[in-house]
Protein backbone atom coordinates (compact mmCIF):
# COMPACT_ATOMS: atom_id res chain seq x y z
CA UNK A 1 -23.33 -44.80 58.79
CA UNK A 2 -24.66 -48.06 60.12
CA UNK A 3 -25.33 -51.01 57.85
CA UNK A 4 -26.81 -54.31 59.01
CA UNK A 5 -24.90 -57.52 58.44
CA UNK A 6 -25.40 -58.89 54.97
CA UNK A 7 -24.99 -62.19 53.24
CA UNK A 8 -22.83 -62.67 50.20
CA UNK A 9 -24.38 -63.06 46.74
CA UNK A 10 -25.53 -66.51 45.73
CA UNK A 11 -23.20 -68.76 43.76
CA UNK A 12 -25.18 -68.41 40.51
CA UNK A 13 -25.20 -64.62 40.43
CA UNK A 14 -21.82 -64.14 42.11
CA UNK A 15 -20.98 -61.17 44.32
CA UNK A 16 -22.80 -57.85 44.06
CA UNK A 17 -20.76 -54.77 43.13
CA UNK A 18 -22.17 -51.35 44.04
CA UNK A 19 -21.45 -47.91 42.58
CA UNK A 20 -23.20 -44.81 43.96
CA UNK A 21 -22.48 -41.69 41.92
CA UNK A 22 -23.74 -39.03 39.59
CA UNK A 23 -22.69 -41.20 36.66
CA UNK A 24 -20.50 -39.24 34.27
CA UNK A 25 -17.23 -39.29 32.35
CA UNK A 26 -15.45 -37.89 35.42
CA UNK A 27 -16.74 -40.76 37.57
CA UNK A 28 -15.46 -43.33 35.05
CA UNK A 29 -18.97 -44.69 34.56
CA UNK A 30 -18.47 -45.68 30.91
CA UNK A 31 -15.14 -47.32 31.79
CA UNK A 32 -16.92 -49.32 34.49
CA UNK A 33 -19.59 -50.50 32.08
CA UNK A 34 -17.06 -51.40 29.39
CA UNK A 35 -15.01 -53.34 31.97
CA UNK A 36 -18.21 -55.01 33.18
CA UNK A 37 -18.86 -56.25 29.63
CA UNK A 38 -15.32 -57.73 29.49
CA UNK A 39 -15.33 -59.49 32.89
CA UNK A 40 -15.42 -63.31 32.93
CA UNK A 41 -16.91 -63.87 36.38
CA UNK A 42 -20.54 -64.13 37.36
CA UNK A 43 -21.42 -60.99 39.30
CA UNK A 44 -24.11 -58.32 39.64
CA UNK A 45 -23.63 -54.57 39.31
CA UNK A 46 -25.95 -52.11 41.07
CA UNK A 47 -25.66 -48.50 39.87
CA UNK A 48 -27.34 -45.89 42.06
CA UNK A 49 -27.61 -42.27 40.96
CA UNK A 50 -28.50 -39.96 38.12
CA UNK A 51 -26.79 -40.12 34.73
CA UNK A 52 -25.18 -37.08 33.11
CA UNK A 53 -26.76 -36.14 29.77
CA UNK A 54 -23.43 -36.33 27.91
CA UNK A 55 -23.18 -40.10 28.50
CA UNK A 56 -26.89 -41.00 28.71
CA UNK A 57 -27.18 -42.72 25.31
CA UNK A 58 -24.02 -44.83 25.66
CA UNK A 59 -24.86 -45.53 29.33
CA UNK A 60 -28.33 -46.81 28.36
CA UNK A 61 -26.82 -49.04 25.69
CA UNK A 62 -24.21 -50.53 28.07
CA UNK A 63 -26.67 -51.16 30.91
CA UNK A 64 -29.04 -53.37 28.88
CA UNK A 65 -27.74 -56.45 30.64
CA UNK A 66 -29.40 -58.87 33.02
CA UNK A 67 -26.48 -58.52 35.49
CA UNK A 68 -26.84 -54.72 35.82
CA UNK A 69 -29.45 -52.99 37.98
CA UNK A 70 -30.13 -49.25 37.71
CA UNK A 71 -31.56 -47.13 40.52
CA UNK A 72 -32.04 -43.50 39.54
CA UNK A 73 -31.63 -41.90 42.96
CA UNK A 74 -32.05 -42.76 46.60
CA UNK A 75 -31.47 -40.76 49.76
CA UNK A 76 -31.44 -44.03 51.75
CA UNK A 77 -28.19 -45.73 50.73
CA UNK A 78 -27.80 -48.17 53.65
CA UNK A 79 -29.90 -50.94 52.03
CA UNK A 80 -27.72 -50.82 48.90
CA UNK A 81 -24.51 -51.07 50.89
CA UNK A 82 -26.07 -53.85 53.00
CA UNK A 83 -26.68 -56.09 50.02
CA UNK A 84 -23.36 -55.37 48.28
CA UNK A 85 -20.19 -57.42 48.49
CA UNK A 86 -17.80 -54.94 46.82
CA UNK A 87 -17.87 -51.18 46.23
CA UNK A 88 -16.54 -50.01 42.85
CA UNK A 89 -15.79 -46.47 41.65
CA UNK A 90 -13.27 -45.84 38.82
CA UNK A 91 -13.23 -42.02 38.98
CA UNK A 92 -10.78 -39.85 37.08
CA UNK A 93 -10.96 -37.12 39.72
CA UNK A 94 -12.52 -36.69 43.14
CA UNK A 95 -12.21 -34.66 46.29
CA UNK A 96 -12.71 -37.14 49.07
CA UNK A 97 -15.71 -39.24 48.07
CA UNK A 98 -17.93 -39.91 51.05
CA UNK A 99 -19.35 -42.99 49.29
CA UNK A 100 -15.98 -44.71 49.76
CA UNK A 101 -16.03 -43.83 53.46
CA UNK A 102 -19.52 -45.37 53.55
CA UNK A 103 -18.20 -48.49 51.82
CA UNK A 104 -15.42 -48.92 54.37
CA UNK A 105 -17.84 -48.26 57.23
CA UNK A 106 -20.05 -50.99 55.74
CA UNK A 107 -17.09 -53.36 55.56
CA UNK A 108 -16.97 -53.44 51.77
CA UNK A 109 -13.70 -53.94 49.92
CA UNK A 110 -13.24 -51.23 47.29
CA UNK A 111 -12.21 -51.36 43.65
CA UNK A 112 -11.27 -47.89 42.53
CA UNK A 113 -8.65 -45.48 41.25
CA UNK A 114 -6.20 -43.33 43.22
CA UNK A 115 -8.72 -40.45 42.90
CA UNK A 116 -11.70 -42.39 44.23
CA UNK A 117 -9.85 -44.20 47.00
CA UNK A 118 -8.14 -41.01 48.27
CA UNK A 119 -5.36 -42.96 49.98
CA UNK A 120 -7.91 -44.81 52.12
CA UNK A 121 -7.61 -48.08 50.24
CA UNK A 122 -4.30 -49.90 50.08
CA UNK A 123 -4.02 -52.00 46.93
CA UNK A 124 -4.25 -55.69 47.77
CA UNK A 125 -5.32 -54.99 51.37
CA UNK A 126 -8.65 -53.10 51.49
CA UNK A 127 -9.39 -53.74 47.83
CA UNK A 128 -7.81 -53.07 44.46
CA UNK A 129 -6.64 -49.77 42.97
CA UNK A 130 -6.50 -49.38 39.17
CA UNK A 131 -5.34 -46.55 36.96
CA UNK A 132 -8.13 -44.34 35.60
CA UNK A 133 -9.08 -45.27 32.05
CA UNK A 134 -7.54 -48.76 32.29
CA UNK A 135 -10.60 -50.76 31.25
CA UNK A 136 -8.67 -54.06 30.99
CA UNK A 137 -7.16 -53.53 34.45
CA UNK A 138 -10.59 -52.72 35.85
CA UNK A 139 -12.08 -55.87 34.27
CA UNK A 140 -9.25 -57.90 35.80
CA UNK A 141 -9.91 -56.33 39.23
CA UNK A 142 -13.62 -57.16 38.94
CA UNK A 143 -12.74 -60.77 38.06
CA UNK A 144 -10.27 -61.07 40.94
CA UNK A 145 -12.81 -59.75 43.45
CA UNK A 146 -15.54 -61.97 42.04
CA UNK A 147 -13.54 -65.17 41.59
CA UNK A 148 -11.18 -65.09 44.59
CA UNK A 149 -13.52 -65.48 47.57
CA UNK A 150 -10.62 -65.80 50.03
CA UNK A 151 -9.12 -62.50 48.86
CA UNK A 152 -12.54 -60.81 48.90
CA UNK A 153 -13.15 -61.96 52.49
CA UNK A 154 -9.68 -60.84 53.63
CA UNK A 155 -10.21 -57.46 51.94
CA UNK A 156 -13.65 -57.24 53.57
CA UNK A 157 -12.14 -57.76 57.03
CA UNK A 158 -9.41 -55.17 56.32
CA UNK A 159 -12.03 -52.74 54.98
CA UNK A 160 -14.10 -53.20 58.13
CA UNK A 161 -11.07 -52.38 60.29
CA UNK A 162 -10.22 -49.39 58.09
CA UNK A 163 -13.82 -48.26 58.30
CA UNK A 164 -13.52 -48.06 62.08
CA UNK A 165 -10.50 -45.77 61.68
CA UNK A 166 -12.36 -43.23 59.53
CA UNK A 167 -15.56 -42.77 61.52
CA UNK A 168 -16.63 -39.17 62.19
CA UNK A 169 -16.23 -39.45 65.96
CA UNK A 170 -12.63 -40.59 65.66
CA UNK A 171 -11.84 -37.94 63.05
CA UNK A 172 -13.31 -35.20 65.24
CA UNK A 173 -11.43 -36.45 68.31
CA UNK A 174 -8.14 -36.47 66.36
CA UNK A 175 -8.71 -32.91 65.15
CA UNK A 176 -9.55 -31.71 68.65
CA UNK A 177 -6.35 -33.35 69.91
CA UNK A 178 -4.31 -31.53 67.25
CA UNK A 179 -5.89 -28.16 68.08
CA UNK A 180 -5.32 -28.71 71.83
CA UNK A 181 -1.64 -29.54 71.21
CA UNK A 182 -1.24 -26.41 69.07
CA UNK A 183 -2.88 -24.30 71.77
CA UNK A 184 -0.61 -25.85 74.43
CA UNK A 185 2.50 -25.25 72.32
CA UNK A 186 1.55 -21.60 71.84
CA UNK A 187 0.84 -21.19 75.56
CA UNK A 188 4.19 -22.72 76.48
CA UNK A 189 6.18 -20.76 73.87
CA UNK A 190 4.64 -17.40 74.87
CA UNK A 191 5.08 -17.93 78.61
């Protein structure tokens, strides 16, 4: 997942936060929008993906803001990651969301929950980790990322480094190494 270098958001609009998901209760989409309404900082939110019918009415109501952009669906996500400054995903449950791997690969600090960050994001290092359903905590995390440029840049650098650790090639090489060691151990123990 290769993303070209990007520039930070302008001072008037603030940083751009990105969330790519099938927006639903499980993804914390309504929590995100409620936190977005409570934030103090200037910032933009780009939401990419379809919206589940069960939240569609409330979602439409909460996204009628000039600082929120909706994109229904895109198979080409790189341009969205390229223009973002922060990735945000307050999920209640996840497997291992590839969109967070993409964010780290793109050098984006992440605001998320333990479910969405899957142990990849250390709180205060690669971004900020909030409890699911904590709308006030999420709003505070948005404000910190938006208002503290030094922290955001340090988290961006840490996210970039972390992104290099979780690339497919490295993951495959590590798994091959494990399988080779297991095979060697079995060869040595049977001989």
